[in-house]
Amino acid sequence: MDLNERKLKILQAIVADFISTSEPVGSRTLSKRLDMDLSPATIRNEMSDLEDMGYLTHPHTSAGRVPSDKAYRLYVDQLMDQSDLPVENKKQIETKLSEDAEELDQTVEHAAHLLSEMTNLVSFAITPNRAESKINYINFLPVDANTVVLMVVCEDGKVTNSAIKLSCDYTEEQLTLMSKVMTHNFKGKTISAVLTANIADLFENDMKALSTMGDSVVPSFMKTLEKMLNVDLYMDGYSNIFALPEYNDVNKAKNFLNTVTNKDEFTNVLVNRDNGLMITIGDENSPDLKDCALITADYKVNGKMVGRLGVIGPKRMKYDEVTSVIKYITENLNQTFEIEAPNKGEDE
């Protein structure tokens, strides 16, 4: 049995109607909405064929049909119209993501919040594993007599601060010298390269005057770099699911929240997805997410893919609108971090 043009138009109308209303679609309703001269009886026959082909299911409590995972996949791949994001939404994204755009993590967190706000779904964003991130500059800021803050800034905009307890007193001149020497030695080196190198000689050869301070700084510096290898997951919009009919059942809502709040497992799912704009539906996901649709897209720094963001929700989601929002947000993130961050600390 072939999917001829008539069947495709009927299927497209059923998926679009069900996404909009969450109600099973009947032949009479469809006959009024289709721009085709077809009787309800003819439409019923076509719907029966589509059910036999695995594109529709028939809830026991209703005379209407609902799309199957197979139907959603065909709809996403071939049938849905591409939605153009309204100008006001584009301006909102551009404005929000331009705020505090010097720090990548904060901007990515803003992007996750904005994505949830604009789609009314649960959104997420993961920051990159920074093994190959290059150090831009290192700075030390005084706190009290024996405490300083170590600031490591990468070329991709990542800023990490760590408080360090020193085993000796220090002067601001020493901190300035420490900042300049470490920046000189590590600028342009990747985090993985620094972690695998023997840097003890640095403090013996270049910083004899600061050797006592170096004894405290070196271990803390290495621990800070190790922490920067961790992938962070930002999530937003958990409360949005309670407005969706799919989660009117308390147990279903609880199971969904338990799955997405298990951050280690969910992060692993996101990290291991393919690159590009990815839409996975129902059984295409892991068993815990078989009732969901998951949409992800990559964002880049200087043209290199470094992280991923997206949404998770019911299979009955407005794929065209959601993908338009995700695409525009990732495009803006890419443009925001297209130019390397300036070296603000080397000559301080």
C-alpha atoms as a PDB file:
ATOM      1  CA  MET A   1       0.000   0.000   0.000  1.00  0.00           C
ATOM      2  CA  ASP A   2       1.486   3.328  -1.065  1.00  0.00           C
ATOM      3  CA  LEU A   3       1.418   6.684   0.688  1.00  0.00           C
ATOM      4  CA  ASN A   4      -0.153   8.622  -2.175  1.00  0.00           C
ATOM      5  CA  GLU A   5      -0.665  12.391  -2.164  1.00  0.00           C
ATOM      6  CA  ARG A   6      -4.155  12.130  -0.673  1.00  0.00           C
ATOM      7  CA  LYS A   7      -3.002   9.979   2.226  1.00  0.00           C
ATOM      8  CA  LEU A   8      -0.082  12.330   2.879  1.00  0.00           C
ATOM      9  CA  LYS A   9      -2.381  15.367   3.018  1.00  0.00           C
ATOM     10  CA  ILE A  10      -4.766  13.583   5.368  1.00  0.00           C
ATOM     11  CA  LEU A  11      -1.915  12.443   7.589  1.00  0.00           C
ATOM     12  CA  GLN A  12      -0.411  15.922   7.645  1.00  0.00           C
ATOM     13  CA  ALA A  13      -3.769  17.381   8.683  1.00  0.00           C
ATOM     14  CA  ILE A  14      -4.241  14.773  11.432  1.00  0.00           C
ATOM     15  CA  VAL A  15      -0.794  15.383  12.944  1.00  0.00           C
ATOM     16  CA  ALA A  16      -1.201  19.163  12.802  1.00  0.00           C
ATOM     17  CA  ASP A  17      -4.671  18.997  14.330  1.00  0.00           C
ATOM     18  CA  PHE A  18      -3.613  16.649  17.124  1.00  0.00           C
ATOM     19  CA  ILE A  19      -0.581  18.807  17.949  1.00  0.00           C
ATOM     20  CA  SER A  20      -2.872  21.810  18.202  1.00  0.00           C
ATOM     21  CA  THR A  21      -5.746  20.278  20.177  1.00  0.00           C
ATOM     22  CA  SER A  22      -4.404  17.120  21.875  1.00  0.00           C
ATOM     23  CA  GLU A  23      -7.733  15.511  20.935  1.00  0.00           C
ATOM     24  CA  PRO A  24      -8.091  12.404  18.718  1.00  0.00           C
ATOM     25  CA  VAL A  25      -9.055  13.445  15.194  1.00  0.00           C
ATOM     26  CA  GLY A  26     -12.267  12.160  13.618  1.00  0.00           C
ATOM     27  CA  SER A  27     -13.244  11.969   9.959  1.00  0.00           C
ATOM     28  CA  ARG A  28     -16.032  14.547  10.235  1.00  0.00           C
ATOM     29  CA  THR A  29     -13.711  17.097  11.841  1.00  0.00           C
ATOM     30  CA  LEU A  30     -11.132  16.419   9.161  1.00  0.00           C
ATOM     31  CA  SER A  31     -13.595  16.744   6.298  1.00  0.00           C
ATOM     32  CA  LYS A  32     -14.416  20.296   7.446  1.00  0.00           C
ATOM     33  CA  ARG A  33     -10.784  21.334   7.689  1.00  0.00           C
ATOM     34  CA  LEU A  34      -9.274  19.659   4.668  1.00  0.00           C
ATOM     35  CA  ASP A  35      -9.091  21.656   1.466  1.00  0.00           C
ATOM     36  CA  MET A  36     -10.171  18.550  -0.435  1.00  0.00           C
ATOM     37  CA  ASP A  37     -13.533  17.485  -1.791  1.00  0.00           C
ATOM     38  CA  LEU A  38     -13.733  14.270   0.245  1.00  0.00           C
ATOM     39  CA  SER A  39     -16.660  12.788   2.139  1.00  0.00           C
ATOM     40  CA  PRO A  40     -16.266  11.656   5.770  1.00  0.00           C
ATOM     41  CA  ALA A  41     -16.681   8.058   4.552  1.00  0.00           C
ATOM     42  CA  THR A  42     -13.763   8.406   2.121  1.00  0.00           C
ATOM     43  CA  ILE A  43     -11.630   9.986   4.810  1.00  0.00           C
ATOM     44  CA  ARG A  44     -12.502   7.148   7.205  1.00  0.00           C
ATOM     45  CA  ASN A  45     -11.295   4.627   4.640  1.00  0.00           C
ATOM     46  CA  GLU A  46      -8.049   6.508   4.163  1.00  0.00           C
ATOM     47  CA  MET A  47      -7.579   6.784   7.933  1.00  0.00           C
ATOM     48  CA  SER A  48      -8.137   3.049   8.251  1.00  0.00           C
ATOM     49  CA  ASP A  49      -5.443   2.447   5.631  1.00  0.00           C
ATOM     50  CA  LEU A  50      -3.063   4.788   7.472  1.00  0.00           C
ATOM     51  CA  GLU A  51      -3.726   2.874  10.682  1.00  0.00           C
ATOM     52  CA  ASP A  52      -2.953  -0.415   8.946  1.00  0.00           C
ATOM     53  CA  MET A  53       0.295   1.134   7.708  1.00  0.00           C
ATOM     54  CA  GLY A  54       1.303   2.067  11.250  1.00  0.00           C
ATOM     55  CA  TYR A  55       0.892   5.844  10.975  1.00  0.00           C
ATOM     56  CA  LEU A  56      -2.185   6.163  13.201  1.00  0.00           C
ATOM     57  CA  THR A  57      -3.442   4.568  16.380  1.00  0.00           C
ATOM     58  CA  HIS A  58      -7.003   4.229  17.581  1.00  0.00           C
ATOM     59  CA  PRO A  59      -7.638   4.995  21.269  1.00  0.00           C
ATOM     60  CA  HIS A  60     -10.253   2.669  22.728  1.00  0.00           C
ATOM     61  CA  THR A  61     -12.216   5.553  24.240  1.00  0.00           C
ATOM     62  CA  SER A  62     -12.501   7.572  21.047  1.00  0.00           C
ATOM     63  CA  ALA A  63     -13.668   7.247  17.477  1.00  0.00           C
ATOM     64  CA  GLY A  64     -10.803   9.477  16.375  1.00  0.00           C
ATOM     65  CA  ARG A  65      -7.201   8.649  15.513  1.00  0.00           C
ATOM     66  CA  VAL A  66      -3.899   9.899  16.931  1.00  0.00           C
ATOM     67  CA  PRO A  67      -0.482   9.913  15.251  1.00  0.00           C
ATOM     68  CA  SER A  68       2.047   7.184  15.962  1.00  0.00           C
ATOM     69  CA  ASP A  69       5.800   7.712  16.349  1.00  0.00           C
ATOM     70  CA  LYS A  70       6.099   6.721  12.696  1.00  0.00           C
ATOM     71  CA  ALA A  71       3.676   9.508  11.726  1.00  0.00           C
ATOM     72  CA  TYR A  72       5.562  12.130  13.743  1.00  0.00           C
ATOM     73  CA  ARG A  73       8.798  11.072  12.085  1.00  0.00           C
ATOM     74  CA  LEU A  74       7.319  11.409   8.602  1.00  0.00           C
ATOM     75  CA  TYR A  75       5.739  14.727   9.572  1.00  0.00           C
ATOM     76  CA  VAL A  76       9.045  16.140  10.835  1.00  0.00           C
ATOM     77  CA  ASP A  77      11.051  14.846   7.895  1.00  0.00           C
ATOM     78  CA  GLN A  78       8.696  15.662   5.038  1.00  0.00           C
ATOM     79  CA  LEU A  79       5.351  17.205   5.890  1.00  0.00           C
ATOM     80  CA  MET A  80       5.657  20.057   8.371  1.00  0.00           C
ATOM     81  CA  ASP A  81       5.841  23.632   7.134  1.00  0.00           C
ATOM     82  CA  GLN A  82       8.918  25.637   8.085  1.00  0.00           C
ATOM     83  CA  SER A  83       7.954  28.331  10.578  1.00  0.00           C
ATOM     84  CA  ASP A  84       9.550  31.766  10.287  1.00  0.00           C
ATOM     85  CA  LEU A  85      10.207  33.294  13.684  1.00  0.00           C
ATOM     86  CA  PRO A  86       8.335  36.600  14.211  1.00  0.00           C
ATOM     87  CA  VAL A  87      10.482  39.734  14.201  1.00  0.00           C
ATOM     88  CA  GLU A  88       9.657  40.531  17.836  1.00  0.00           C
ATOM     89  CA  ASN A  89      10.876  37.107  18.915  1.00  0.00           C
ATOM     90  CA  LYS A  90      14.099  37.557  16.985  1.00  0.00           C
ATOM     91  CA  LYS A  91      14.693  40.915  18.669  1.00  0.00           C
ATOM     92  CA  GLN A  92      13.980  39.365  22.080  1.00  0.00           C
ATOM     93  CA  ILE A  93      16.592  36.669  21.477  1.00  0.00           C
ATOM     94  CA  GLU A  94      19.181  39.141  20.198  1.00  0.00           C
ATOM     95  CA  THR A  95      18.656  41.465  23.172  1.00  0.00           C
ATOM     96  CA  LYS A  96      18.736  38.779  25.849  1.00  0.00           C
ATOM     97  CA  LEU A  97      21.814  37.018  24.509  1.00  0.00           C
ATOM     98  CA  SER A  98      23.775  40.250  24.121  1.00  0.00           C
ATOM     99  CA  GLU A  99      23.544  40.899  27.872  1.00  0.00           C
ATOM    100  CA  ASP A 100      26.718  39.870  29.758  1.00  0.00           C
ATOM    101  CA  ALA A 101      27.904  38.138  26.604  1.00  0.00           C
ATOM    102  CA  GLU A 102      31.572  38.109  27.669  1.00  0.00           C
ATOM    103  CA  GLU A 103      31.133  34.939  29.735  1.00  0.00           C
ATOM    104  CA  LEU A 104      30.048  31.877  27.784  1.00  0.00           C
ATOM    105  CA  ASP A 105      28.471  29.910  30.638  1.00  0.00           C
ATOM    106  CA  GLN A 106      26.259  32.787  31.738  1.00  0.00           C
ATOM    107  CA  THR A 107      25.124  33.452  28.188  1.00  0.00           C
ATOM    108  CA  VAL A 108      24.343  29.761  27.665  1.00  0.00           C
ATOM    109  CA  GLU A 109      22.305  29.751  30.873  1.00  0.00           C
ATOM    110  CA  HIS A 110      20.380  32.780  29.568  1.00  0.00           C
ATOM    111  CA  ALA A 111      19.794  30.891  26.320  1.00  0.00           C
ATOM    112  CA  ALA A 112      18.291  27.910  28.168  1.00  0.00           C
ATOM    113  CA  HIS A 113      15.937  30.185  30.091  1.00  0.00           C
ATOM    114  CA  LEU A 114      14.915  32.032  26.944  1.00  0.00           C
ATOM    115  CA  LEU A 115      14.292  28.766  25.098  1.00  0.00           C
ATOM    116  CA  SER A 116      11.968  27.548  27.840  1.00  0.00           C
ATOM    117  CA  GLU A 117      10.169  30.877  27.959  1.00  0.00           C
ATOM    118  CA  MET A 118       9.533  30.923  24.210  1.00  0.00           C
ATOM    119  CA  THR A 119       8.540  27.258  23.743  1.00  0.00           C
ATOM    120  CA  ASN A 120       6.747  26.559  27.051  1.00  0.00           C
ATOM    121  CA  LEU A 121       8.737  23.344  27.336  1.00  0.00           C
ATOM    122  CA  VAL A 122      11.544  22.056  29.526  1.00  0.00           C
ATOM    123  CA  SER A 123      14.774  23.407  28.080  1.00  0.00           C
ATOM    124  CA  PHE A 124      18.413  22.568  28.672  1.00  0.00           C
ATOM    125  CA  ALA A 125      21.914  23.568  27.658  1.00  0.00           C
ATOM    126  CA  ILE A 126      25.222  21.848  28.233  1.00  0.00           C
ATOM    127  CA  THR A 127      28.564  23.589  28.385  1.00  0.00           C
ATOM    128  CA  PRO A 128      31.533  22.052  26.623  1.00  0.00           C
ATOM    129  CA  ASN A 129      34.117  19.667  27.938  1.00  0.00           C
ATOM    130  CA  ARG A 130      37.043  22.060  27.901  1.00  0.00           C
ATOM    131  CA  ALA A 131      39.928  19.651  27.452  1.00  0.00           C
ATOM    132  CA  GLU A 132      40.851  21.468  24.234  1.00  0.00           C
ATOM    133  CA  SER A 133      39.953  24.970  25.432  1.00  0.00           C
ATOM    134  CA  LYS A 134      42.911  27.334  25.337  1.00  0.00           C
ATOM    135  CA  ILE A 135      43.859  29.496  28.289  1.00  0.00           C
ATOM    136  CA  ASN A 136      43.650  33.209  27.564  1.00  0.00           C
ATOM    137  CA  TYR A 137      44.876  34.710  30.799  1.00  0.00           C
ATOM    138  CA  ILE A 138      45.273  34.028  34.532  1.00  0.00           C
ATOM    139  CA  ASN A 139      44.723  36.534  37.292  1.00  0.00           C
ATOM    140  CA  PHE A 140      44.939  36.620  41.090  1.00  0.00           C
ATOM    141  CA  LEU A 141      42.680  38.845  43.180  1.00  0.00           C
ATOM    142  CA  PRO A 142      43.297  39.609  46.876  1.00  0.00           C
ATOM    143  CA  VAL A 143      40.670  38.609  49.459  1.00  0.00           C
ATOM    144  CA  ASP A 144      42.338  38.703  52.886  1.00  0.00           C
ATOM    145  CA  ALA A 145      45.777  38.218  54.449  1.00  0.00           C
ATOM    146  CA  ASN A 146      46.110  34.582  53.347  1.00  0.00           C
ATOM    147  CA  THR A 147      43.395  34.148  50.719  1.00  0.00           C
ATOM    148  CA  VAL A 148      43.326  35.026  47.033  1.00  0.00           C
ATOM    149  CA  VAL A 149      40.992  34.247  44.161  1.00  0.00           C
ATOM    150  CA  LEU A 150      42.514  32.455  41.187  1.00  0.00           C
ATOM    151  CA  MET A 151      40.790  33.465  37.943  1.00  0.00           C
ATOM    152  CA  VAL A 152      41.336  31.354  34.824  1.00  0.00           C
ATOM    153  CA  VAL A 153      39.874  32.746  31.596  1.00  0.00           C
ATOM    154  CA  CYS A 154      39.736  30.681  28.399  1.00  0.00           C
ATOM    155  CA  GLU A 155      39.597  31.940  24.843  1.00  0.00           C
ATOM    156  CA  ASP A 156      36.038  30.579  24.511  1.00  0.00           C
ATOM    157  CA  GLY A 157      34.843  32.927  27.275  1.00  0.00           C
ATOM    158  CA  LYS A 158      34.805  30.408  30.125  1.00  0.00           C
ATOM    159  CA  VAL A 159      35.725  32.058  33.441  1.00  0.00           C
ATOM    160  CA  THR A 160      36.509  29.957  36.503  1.00  0.00           C
ATOM    161  CA  ASN A 161      37.204  31.399  39.955  1.00  0.00           C
ATOM    162  CA  SER A 162      38.708  29.459  42.855  1.00  0.00           C
ATOM    163  CA  ALA A 163      39.575  30.658  46.364  1.00  0.00           C
ATOM    164  CA  ILE A 164      43.102  29.673  47.440  1.00  0.00           C
ATOM    165  CA  LYS A 165      44.524  29.647  50.966  1.00  0.00           C
ATOM    166  CA  LEU A 166      48.190  30.603  50.838  1.00  0.00           C
ATOM    167  CA  SER A 167      50.786  29.332  53.284  1.00  0.00           C
ATOM    168  CA  CYS A 168      52.396  32.757  53.497  1.00  0.00           C
ATOM    169  CA  ASP A 169      51.587  36.440  53.372  1.00  0.00           C
ATOM    170  CA  TYR A 170      51.622  38.170  50.004  1.00  0.00           C
ATOM    171  CA  THR A 171      51.729  41.605  48.464  1.00  0.00           C
ATOM    172  CA  GLU A 172      49.693  42.930  45.556  1.00  0.00           C
ATOM    173  CA  GLU A 173      52.941  43.276  43.606  1.00  0.00           C
ATOM    174  CA  GLN A 174      53.543  39.539  44.043  1.00  0.00           C
ATOM    175  CA  LEU A 175      50.034  38.747  42.824  1.00  0.00           C
ATOM    176  CA  THR A 176      50.544  40.928  39.772  1.00  0.00           C
ATOM    177  CA  LEU A 177      53.840  39.218  39.006  1.00  0.00           C
ATOM    178  CA  MET A 178      52.281  35.785  39.529  1.00  0.00           C
ATOM    179  CA  SER A 179      49.457  36.679  37.118  1.00  0.00           C
ATOM    180  CA  LYS A 180      51.836  37.898  34.424  1.00  0.00           C
ATOM    181  CA  VAL A 181      54.220  34.959  34.679  1.00  0.00           C
ATOM    182  CA  MET A 182      51.469  32.327  34.624  1.00  0.00           C
ATOM    183  CA  THR A 183      49.690  34.056  31.759  1.00  0.00           C
ATOM    184  CA  HIS A 184      52.969  34.193  29.839  1.00  0.00           C
ATOM    185  CA  ASN A 185      53.609  30.479  30.381  1.00  0.00           C
ATOM    186  CA  PHE A 186      50.105  29.117  29.784  1.00  0.00           C
ATOM    187  CA  LYS A 187      48.443  31.498  27.331  1.00  0.00           C
ATOM    188  CA  GLY A 188      47.419  29.582  24.207  1.00  0.00           C
ATOM    189  CA  LYS A 189      47.905  26.162  25.799  1.00  0.00           C
ATOM    190  CA  THR A 190      44.976  23.762  26.078  1.00  0.00           C
ATOM    191  CA  ILE A 191      43.773  22.616  29.482  1.00  0.00           C
ATOM    192  CA  SER A 192      44.583  19.001  28.611  1.00  0.00           C
ATOM    193  CA  ALA A 193      48.135  19.962  27.611  1.00  0.00           C
ATOM    194  CA  VAL A 194      48.725  21.788  30.895  1.00  0.00           C
ATOM    195  CA  LEU A 195      47.283  18.932  32.955  1.00  0.00           C
ATOM    196  CA  THR A 196      49.560  16.387  31.306  1.00  0.00           C
ATOM    197  CA  ALA A 197      52.704  18.538  31.482  1.00  0.00           C
ATOM    198  CA  ASN A 198      55.226  18.778  34.286  1.00  0.00           C
ATOM    199  CA  ILE A 199      54.884  22.392  35.373  1.00  0.00           C
ATOM    200  CA  ALA A 200      57.017  22.186  38.513  1.00  0.00           C
ATOM    201  CA  ASP A 201      59.988  23.603  36.614  1.00  0.00           C
ATOM    202  CA  LEU A 202      58.023  26.771  35.941  1.00  0.00           C
ATOM    203  CA  PHE A 203      58.109  27.752  39.581  1.00  0.00           C
ATOM    204  CA  GLU A 204      61.738  26.737  40.003  1.00  0.00           C
ATOM    205  CA  ASN A 205      63.043  28.611  36.991  1.00  0.00           C
ATOM    206  CA  ASP A 206      60.757  31.621  36.598  1.00  0.00           C
ATOM    207  CA  MET A 207      59.429  32.318  40.047  1.00  0.00           C
ATOM    208  CA  LYS A 208      62.191  31.782  42.564  1.00  0.00           C
ATOM    209  CA  ALA A 209      61.118  34.856  44.446  1.00  0.00           C
ATOM    210  CA  LEU A 210      57.598  33.445  44.721  1.00  0.00           C
ATOM    211  CA  SER A 211      58.502  29.814  45.381  1.00  0.00           C
ATOM    212  CA  THR A 212      56.687  29.724  48.739  1.00  0.00           C
ATOM    213  CA  MET A 213      53.541  31.158  47.196  1.00  0.00           C
ATOM    214  CA  GLY A 214      53.928  28.791  44.267  1.00  0.00           C
ATOM    215  CA  ASP A 215      53.762  25.809  46.607  1.00  0.00           C
ATOM    216  CA  SER A 216      50.179  26.794  47.385  1.00  0.00           C
ATOM    217  CA  VAL A 217      49.223  27.988  43.935  1.00  0.00           C
ATOM    218  CA  VAL A 218      50.318  25.034  41.787  1.00  0.00           C
ATOM    219  CA  PRO A 219      48.058  22.332  43.322  1.00  0.00           C
ATOM    220  CA  SER A 220      45.086  24.721  43.371  1.00  0.00           C
ATOM    221  CA  PHE A 221      45.713  25.736  39.768  1.00  0.00           C
ATOM    222  CA  MET A 222      45.745  22.098  38.643  1.00  0.00           C
ATOM    223  CA  LYS A 223      42.564  21.274  40.604  1.00  0.00           C
ATOM    224  CA  THR A 224      40.859  24.278  39.017  1.00  0.00           C
ATOM    225  CA  LEU A 225      41.765  23.044  35.531  1.00  0.00           C
ATOM    226  CA  GLU A 226      40.485  19.554  36.372  1.00  0.00           C
ATOM    227  CA  LYS A 227      37.128  21.021  37.429  1.00  0.00           C
ATOM    228  CA  MET A 228      36.938  22.893  34.127  1.00  0.00           C
ATOM    229  CA  LEU A 229      36.812  19.537  32.333  1.00  0.00           C
ATOM    230  CA  ASN A 230      33.376  18.850  33.812  1.00  0.00           C
ATOM    231  CA  VAL A 231      30.328  19.378  31.599  1.00  0.00           C
ATOM    232  CA  ASP A 232      27.686  21.594  33.218  1.00  0.00           C
ATOM    233  CA  LEU A 233      23.975  21.123  32.528  1.00  0.00           C
ATOM    234  CA  TYR A 234      21.537  24.022  32.833  1.00  0.00           C
ATOM    235  CA  MET A 235      17.807  23.264  32.823  1.00  0.00           C
ATOM    236  CA  ASP A 236      14.763  25.508  32.936  1.00  0.00           C
ATOM    237  CA  GLY A 237      10.981  25.364  32.687  1.00  0.00           C
ATOM    238  CA  TYR A 238      10.133  22.289  34.767  1.00  0.00           C
ATOM    239  CA  SER A 239       6.790  23.829  35.721  1.00  0.00           C
ATOM    240  CA  ASN A 240       5.779  24.079  32.046  1.00  0.00           C
ATOM    241  CA  ILE A 241       4.887  20.398  31.911  1.00  0.00           C
ATOM    242  CA  PHE A 242       1.968  20.850  34.310  1.00  0.00           C
ATOM    243  CA  ALA A 243       0.145  22.894  31.650  1.00  0.00           C
ATOM    244  CA  LEU A 244       0.335  19.992  29.168  1.00  0.00           C
ATOM    245  CA  PRO A 245      -2.503  17.434  28.964  1.00  0.00           C
ATOM    246  CA  GLU A 246       0.034  14.600  28.669  1.00  0.00           C
ATOM    247  CA  TYR A 247       1.115  15.226  32.239  1.00  0.00           C
ATOM    248  CA  ASN A 248      -2.272  15.725  33.898  1.00  0.00           C
ATOM    249  CA  ASP A 249      -1.612  12.329  35.437  1.00  0.00           C
ATOM    250  CA  VAL A 250       0.507  12.954  38.544  1.00  0.00           C
ATOM    251  CA  ASN A 251       2.488   9.733  38.109  1.00  0.00           C
ATOM    252  CA  LYS A 252       3.380  10.581  34.507  1.00  0.00           C
ATOM    253  CA  ALA A 253       4.513  14.043  35.556  1.00  0.00           C
ATOM    254  CA  LYS A 254       6.546  12.582  38.421  1.00  0.00           C
ATOM    255  CA  ASN A 255       8.231  10.017  36.144  1.00  0.00           C
ATOM    256  CA  PHE A 256       9.096  12.710  33.617  1.00  0.00           C
ATOM    257  CA  LEU A 257      10.611  14.973  36.268  1.00  0.00           C
ATOM    258  CA  ASN A 258      12.560  12.094  37.807  1.00  0.00           C
ATOM    259  CA  THR A 259      14.082  11.343  34.414  1.00  0.00           C
ATOM    260  CA  VAL A 260      15.132  14.867  33.452  1.00  0.00           C
ATOM    261  CA  THR A 261      16.365  15.790  36.953  1.00  0.00           C
ATOM    262  CA  ASN A 262      18.740  12.823  37.012  1.00  0.00           C
ATOM    263  CA  LYS A 263      21.386  15.149  35.634  1.00  0.00           C
ATOM    264  CA  ASP A 264      24.236  12.665  35.251  1.00  0.00           C
ATOM    265  CA  GLU A 265      22.205  10.278  33.093  1.00  0.00           C
ATOM    266  CA  PHE A 266      20.463  13.037  31.158  1.00  0.00           C
ATOM    267  CA  THR A 267      23.783  14.789  30.476  1.00  0.00           C
ATOM    268  CA  ASN A 268      25.170  11.510  29.171  1.00  0.00           C
ATOM    269  CA  VAL A 269      22.211  11.213  26.774  1.00  0.00           C
ATOM    270  CA  LEU A 270      22.790  14.736  25.463  1.00  0.00           C
ATOM    271  CA  VAL A 271      26.561  14.435  25.117  1.00  0.00           C
ATOM    272  CA  ASN A 272      26.240  11.249  23.057  1.00  0.00           C
ATOM    273  CA  ARG A 273      23.764  12.596  20.500  1.00  0.00           C
ATOM    274  CA  ASP A 274      24.825  13.275  16.933  1.00  0.00           C
ATOM    275  CA  ASN A 275      25.862  16.771  15.898  1.00  0.00           C
ATOM    276  CA  GLY A 276      23.571  19.228  14.160  1.00  0.00           C
ATOM    277  CA  LEU A 277      19.855  19.762  14.643  1.00  0.00           C
ATOM    278  CA  MET A 278      18.561  16.437  15.961  1.00  0.00           C
ATOM    279  CA  ILE A 279      14.930  15.460  16.563  1.00  0.00           C
ATOM    280  CA  THR A 280      14.288  12.088  18.180  1.00  0.00           C
ATOM    281  CA  ILE A 281      10.763  10.884  18.848  1.00  0.00           C
ATOM    282  CA  GLY A 282       9.349   8.202  21.125  1.00  0.00           C
ATOM    283  CA  ASP A 283      11.133   4.879  20.745  1.00  0.00           C
ATOM    284  CA  GLU A 284      14.036   6.591  18.987  1.00  0.00           C
ATOM    285  CA  ASN A 285      15.002   7.765  22.483  1.00  0.00           C
ATOM    286  CA  SER A 286      16.168   5.711  25.452  1.00  0.00           C
ATOM    287  CA  PRO A 287      13.456   3.665  27.261  1.00  0.00           C
ATOM    288  CA  ASP A 288      13.089   6.337  29.962  1.00  0.00           C
ATOM    289  CA  LEU A 289      12.248   8.897  27.271  1.00  0.00           C
ATOM    290  CA  LYS A 290      10.066   6.749  25.007  1.00  0.00           C
ATOM    291  CA  ASP A 291       7.023   8.978  25.579  1.00  0.00           C
ATOM    292  CA  CYS A 292       8.949  12.150  24.756  1.00  0.00           C
ATOM    293  CA  ALA A 293      10.380  14.096  21.875  1.00  0.00           C
ATOM    294  CA  LEU A 294      13.884  15.479  22.242  1.00  0.00           C
ATOM    295  CA  ILE A 295      15.274  18.285  20.062  1.00  0.00           C
ATOM    296  CA  THR A 296      18.906  19.362  20.267  1.00  0.00           C
ATOM    297  CA  ALA A 297      21.195  21.681  18.340  1.00  0.00           C
ATOM    298  CA  ASP A 298      24.870  22.578  18.655  1.00  0.00           C
ATOM    299  CA  TYR A 299      26.348  25.975  19.383  1.00  0.00           C
ATOM    300  CA  LYS A 300      29.870  27.019  18.434  1.00  0.00           C
ATOM    301  CA  VAL A 301      32.756  29.221  19.535  1.00  0.00           C
ATOM    302  CA  ASN A 302      34.918  30.524  16.688  1.00  0.00           C
ATOM    303  CA  GLY A 303      33.293  27.985  14.386  1.00  0.00           C
ATOM    304  CA  LYS A 304      34.000  24.987  16.622  1.00  0.00           C
ATOM    305  CA  MET A 305      31.145  23.012  18.182  1.00  0.00           C
ATOM    306  CA  VAL A 306      31.475  23.313  21.960  1.00  0.00           C
ATOM    307  CA  GLY A 307      28.029  22.713  23.462  1.00  0.00           C
ATOM    308  CA  ARG A 308      24.440  21.729  22.901  1.00  0.00           C
ATOM    309  CA  LEU A 309      20.992  23.048  23.795  1.00  0.00           C
ATOM    310  CA  GLY A 310      17.407  22.015  23.196  1.00  0.00           C
ATOM    311  CA  VAL A 311      14.058  21.030  24.630  1.00  0.00           C
ATOM    312  CA  ILE A 312      12.309  17.919  25.843  1.00  0.00           C
ATOM    313  CA  GLY A 313       8.565  17.425  25.998  1.00  0.00           C
ATOM    314  CA  PRO A 314       5.665  15.338  24.739  1.00  0.00           C
ATOM    315  CA  LYS A 315       5.697  13.895  21.235  1.00  0.00           C
ATOM    316  CA  ARG A 316       2.797  16.242  20.540  1.00  0.00           C
ATOM    317  CA  MET A 317       4.875  19.400  20.275  1.00  0.00           C
ATOM    318  CA  LYS A 318       4.940  22.214  17.731  1.00  0.00           C
ATOM    319  CA  TYR A 319       8.041  20.980  15.942  1.00  0.00           C
ATOM    320  CA  ASP A 320       8.101  23.753  13.353  1.00  0.00           C
ATOM    321  CA  GLU A 321       7.921  26.595  15.901  1.00  0.00           C
ATOM    322  CA  VAL A 322      10.286  24.958  18.385  1.00  0.00           C
ATOM    323  CA  THR A 323      12.973  24.228  15.790  1.00  0.00           C
ATOM    324  CA  SER A 324      12.769  27.815  14.528  1.00  0.00           C
ATOM    325  CA  VAL A 325      13.422  29.149  18.032  1.00  0.00           C
ATOM    326  CA  ILE A 326      16.287  26.721  18.635  1.00  0.00           C
ATOM    327  CA  LYS A 327      17.909  27.533  15.287  1.00  0.00           C
ATOM    328  CA  TYR A 328      17.766  31.285  15.884  1.00  0.00           C
ATOM    329  CA  ILE A 329      19.138  31.017  19.423  1.00  0.00           C
ATOM    330  CA  THR A 330      22.067  28.836  18.331  1.00  0.00           C
ATOM    331  CA  GLU A 331      22.793  31.152  15.396  1.00  0.00           C
ATOM    332  CA  ASN A 332      22.975  34.077  17.820  1.00  0.00           C
ATOM    333  CA  LEU A 333      25.199  32.172  20.234  1.00  0.00           C
ATOM    334  CA  ASN A 334      27.518  31.332  17.354  1.00  0.00           C
ATOM    335  CA  GLN A 335      27.715  34.989  16.310  1.00  0.00           C
ATOM    336  CA  THR A 336      28.174  36.212  19.887  1.00  0.00           C
ATOM    337  CA  PHE A 337      31.312  34.111  20.375  1.00  0.00           C
ATOM    338  CA  GLU A 338      32.620  34.255  16.839  1.00  0.00           C
ATOM    339  CA  ILE A 339      35.468  36.576  17.829  1.00  0.00           C
ATOM    340  CA  GLU A 340      37.975  35.520  20.438  1.00  0.00           C
ATOM    341  CA  ALA A 341      37.681  37.232  23.789  1.00  0.00           C
ATOM    342  CA  PRO A 342      40.210  40.057  24.150  1.00  0.00           C
ATOM    343  CA  ASN A 343      43.230  39.533  26.362  1.00  0.00           C
ATOM    344  CA  LYS A 344      42.107  41.704  29.217  1.00  0.00           C
ATOM    345  CA  GLY A 345      44.489  40.520  31.889  1.00  0.00           C
ATOM    346  CA  GLU A 346      47.906  39.957  30.414  1.00  0.00           C
ATOM    347  CA  ASP A 347      49.164  43.495  30.899  1.00  0.00           C
ATOM    348  CA  GLU A 348      47.284  44.300  34.081  1.00  0.00           C
END
